C-alpha atoms as a PDB file:
ATOM      1  CA  MET A   1       8.120  -8.230  17.346  1.00  0.00           C
ATOM      2  CA  ASP A   2       7.389  -8.459  13.624  1.00  0.00           C
ATOM      3  CA  ILE A   3       5.653  -5.540  12.130  1.00  0.00           C
ATOM      4  CA  LEU A   4       3.936  -6.550   9.681  1.00  0.00           C
ATOM      5  CA  ARG A   5       2.220  -9.920  11.441  1.00  0.00           C
ATOM      6  CA  GLY A   6      -1.412 -10.358  10.294  1.00  0.00           C
ATOM      7  CA  VAL A   7      -0.503  -8.793   6.568  1.00  0.00           C
ATOM      8  CA  ASP A   8      -0.197 -12.028   4.645  1.00  0.00           C
ATOM      9  CA  VAL A   9       2.044 -10.960   1.414  1.00  0.00           C
ATOM     10  CA  LEU A  10       5.464 -10.407   0.303  1.00  0.00           C
ATOM     11  CA  LYS A  11       8.551  -8.699   1.040  1.00  0.00           C
ATOM     12  CA  VAL A  12       9.443  -6.608  -2.297  1.00  0.00           C
ATOM     13  CA  ASP A  13      13.056  -4.831  -3.398  1.00  0.00           C
ATOM     14  CA  TRP A  14      11.251  -2.280  -4.005  1.00  0.00           C
ATOM     15  CA  GLN A  15      14.359  -0.564  -6.434  1.00  0.00           C
ATOM     16  CA  VAL A  16      13.289  -3.383  -9.047  1.00  0.00           C
ATOM     17  CA  VAL A  17       9.450  -2.935  -9.356  1.00  0.00           C
ATOM     18  CA  ASN A  18       8.697  -1.134 -12.313  1.00  0.00           C
ATOM     19  CA  GLU A  19       5.038  -2.245 -12.516  1.00  0.00           C
ATOM     20  CA  ILE A  20       4.177   1.149 -10.753  1.00  0.00           C
ATOM     21  CA  ALA A  21       2.283   3.870 -12.344  1.00  0.00           C
ATOM     22  CA  ILE A  22       2.150   5.680  -9.340  1.00  0.00           C
ATOM     23  CA  GLU A  23       3.067   6.505  -7.008  1.00  0.00           C
ATOM     24  CA  VAL A  24       1.002   8.100  -4.337  1.00  0.00           C
ATOM     25  CA  ASP A  25       3.059   9.675  -0.670  1.00  0.00           C
ATOM     26  CA  ALA A  26       1.315   9.640   2.230  1.00  0.00           C
ATOM     27  CA  GLN A  27       3.769  10.417   4.454  1.00  0.00           C
ATOM     28  CA  GLY A  28       3.017  12.999   7.763  1.00  0.00           C
ATOM     29  CA  LEU A  29      -0.628  12.300   7.261  1.00  0.00           C
ATOM     30  CA  ASP A  30      -2.876  10.849   9.744  1.00  0.00           C
ATOM     31  CA  CYS A  31      -6.131   8.500   9.143  1.00  0.00           C
ATOM     32  CA  PRO A  32      -8.393   8.238   7.243  1.00  0.00           C
ATOM     33  CA  MET A  33      -6.124  10.349   4.607  1.00  0.00           C
ATOM     34  CA  PRO A  34      -3.288   7.422   3.101  1.00  0.00           C
ATOM     35  CA  LEU A  35      -5.720   4.821   2.446  1.00  0.00           C
ATOM     36  CA  LEU A  36      -8.122   7.460   0.870  1.00  0.00           C
ATOM     37  CA  LEU A  37      -5.571   8.656  -1.971  1.00  0.00           C
ATOM     38  CA  ALA A  38      -4.504   4.778  -2.121  1.00  0.00           C
ATOM     39  CA  LYS A  39      -8.101   4.695  -3.524  1.00  0.00           C
ATOM     40  CA  ARG A  40      -8.213   7.944  -5.516  1.00  0.00           C
ATOM     41  CA  ALA A  41      -4.643   6.655  -7.318  1.00  0.00           C
ATOM     42  CA  LEU A  42      -5.932   2.944  -8.201  1.00  0.00           C
ATOM     43  CA  ASN A  43      -9.098   4.984  -9.578  1.00  0.00           C
ATOM     44  CA  GLY A  44      -6.989   6.745 -11.538  1.00  0.00           C
ATOM     45  CA  VAL A  45      -5.217   3.292 -12.911  1.00  0.00           C
ATOM     46  CA  GLN A  46      -6.140   0.729 -15.089  1.00  0.00           C
ATOM     47  CA  ALA A  47      -6.536  -3.414 -14.306  1.00  0.00           C
ATOM     48  CA  GLY A  48      -3.485  -4.828 -13.831  1.00  0.00           C
ATOM     49  CA  GLU A  49      -1.720  -1.407 -12.829  1.00  0.00           C
ATOM     50  CA  CYS A  50       0.105  -0.750  -9.284  1.00  0.00           C
ATOM     51  CA  VAL A  51       0.125   1.269  -7.387  1.00  0.00           C
ATOM     52  CA  ARG A  52       2.904   2.010  -4.476  1.00  0.00           C
ATOM     53  CA  VAL A  53       2.260   4.585  -1.220  1.00  0.00           C
ATOM     54  CA  VAL A  54       3.954   5.773   1.141  1.00  0.00           C
ATOM     55  CA  ALA A  55       3.084   6.827   4.650  1.00  0.00           C
ATOM     56  CA  THR A  56       4.376   6.757   8.291  1.00  0.00           C
ATOM     57  CA  ASP A  57       0.775   5.669  10.059  1.00  0.00           C
ATOM     58  CA  ARG A  58       0.647   3.137  11.791  1.00  0.00           C
ATOM     59  CA  GLY A  59      -2.995   2.329  11.503  1.00  0.00           C
ATOM     60  CA  THR A  60      -2.159   1.630   7.964  1.00  0.00           C
ATOM     61  CA  LEU A  61      -1.081  -1.595   8.564  1.00  0.00           C
ATOM     62  CA  ARG A  62      -4.944  -3.059   9.295  1.00  0.00           C
ATOM     63  CA  ASP A  63      -6.609   0.024   7.013  1.00  0.00           C
ATOM     64  CA  PHE A  64      -4.462  -1.768   4.034  1.00  0.00           C
ATOM     65  CA  ARG A  65      -4.842  -5.196   4.466  1.00  0.00           C
ATOM     66  CA  VAL A  66      -8.955  -5.224   4.430  1.00  0.00           C
ATOM     67  CA  PHE A  67      -9.445  -2.503   2.492  1.00  0.00           C
ATOM     68  CA  ALA A  68      -7.308  -5.213  -0.189  1.00  0.00           C
ATOM     69  CA  GLU A  69      -9.543  -8.498   1.189  1.00  0.00           C
ATOM     70  CA  GLN A  70     -12.704  -5.811   0.502  1.00  0.00           C
ATOM     71  CA  SER A  71     -12.182  -4.461  -2.071  1.00  0.00           C
ATOM     72  CA  GLY A  72     -10.805  -6.974  -4.371  1.00  0.00           C
ATOM     73  CA  HIS A  73      -7.627  -5.200  -5.362  1.00  0.00           C
ATOM     74  CA  ALA A  74      -4.668  -7.310  -4.224  1.00  0.00           C
ATOM     75  CA  LEU A  75      -1.869  -6.204  -2.154  1.00  0.00           C
ATOM     76  CA  LEU A  76       1.172  -8.082  -3.352  1.00  0.00           C
ATOM     77  CA  ALA A  77       3.692  -5.833  -0.812  1.00  0.00           C
ATOM     78  CA  ALA A  78       4.283  -3.953   2.197  1.00  0.00           C
ATOM     79  CA  ASP A  79       7.374  -3.211   4.659  1.00  0.00           C
ATOM     80  CA  GLU A  80       8.003  -1.569   6.928  1.00  0.00           C
ATOM     81  CA  CYS A  81      11.201   0.872   7.437  1.00  0.00           C
ATOM     82  CA  ASP A  82      11.787   3.177  10.299  1.00  0.00           C
ATOM     83  CA  GLY A  83       8.958   4.260  11.277  1.00  0.00           C
ATOM     84  CA  THR A  84       8.076   4.429   7.059  1.00  0.00           C
ATOM     85  CA  TYR A  85       4.983   1.925   5.503  1.00  0.00           C
ATOM     86  CA  SER A  86       5.369   0.734   1.997  1.00  0.00           C
ATOM     87  CA  TYR A  87       2.260  -0.543   0.108  1.00  0.00           C
ATOM     88  CA  LEU A  88       2.250  -1.879  -3.590  1.00  0.00           C
ATOM     89  CA  LEU A  89      -1.235  -2.898  -4.655  1.00  0.00           C
ATOM     90  CA  LYS A  90      -2.660  -3.985  -7.454  1.00  0.00           C
ATOM     91  CA  LYS A  91      -5.890  -3.380  -8.960  1.00  0.00           C
ATOM     92  CA  ARG A  92      -7.911  -6.130 -10.084  1.00  0.00           C
END
């Protein structure tokens, strides 16, 4: 089963992404905290800058996709490895 089904984004080699302005560690936090921390981080960066969020809450798969659609920020990447979800958001 594809865990990212419905998330229409590219997978990214996180080692080569060097546009990240802020990294948010939301591991161990439940909804709605990962998304709230991501919103706060996006408020602190300039348009065009990226925020990387790492979370362990499976609900973030839907939350980040819907947030990007509604806010206009770009969800550039979503990835899952061993129950850890990584997202790359670009501020509009």
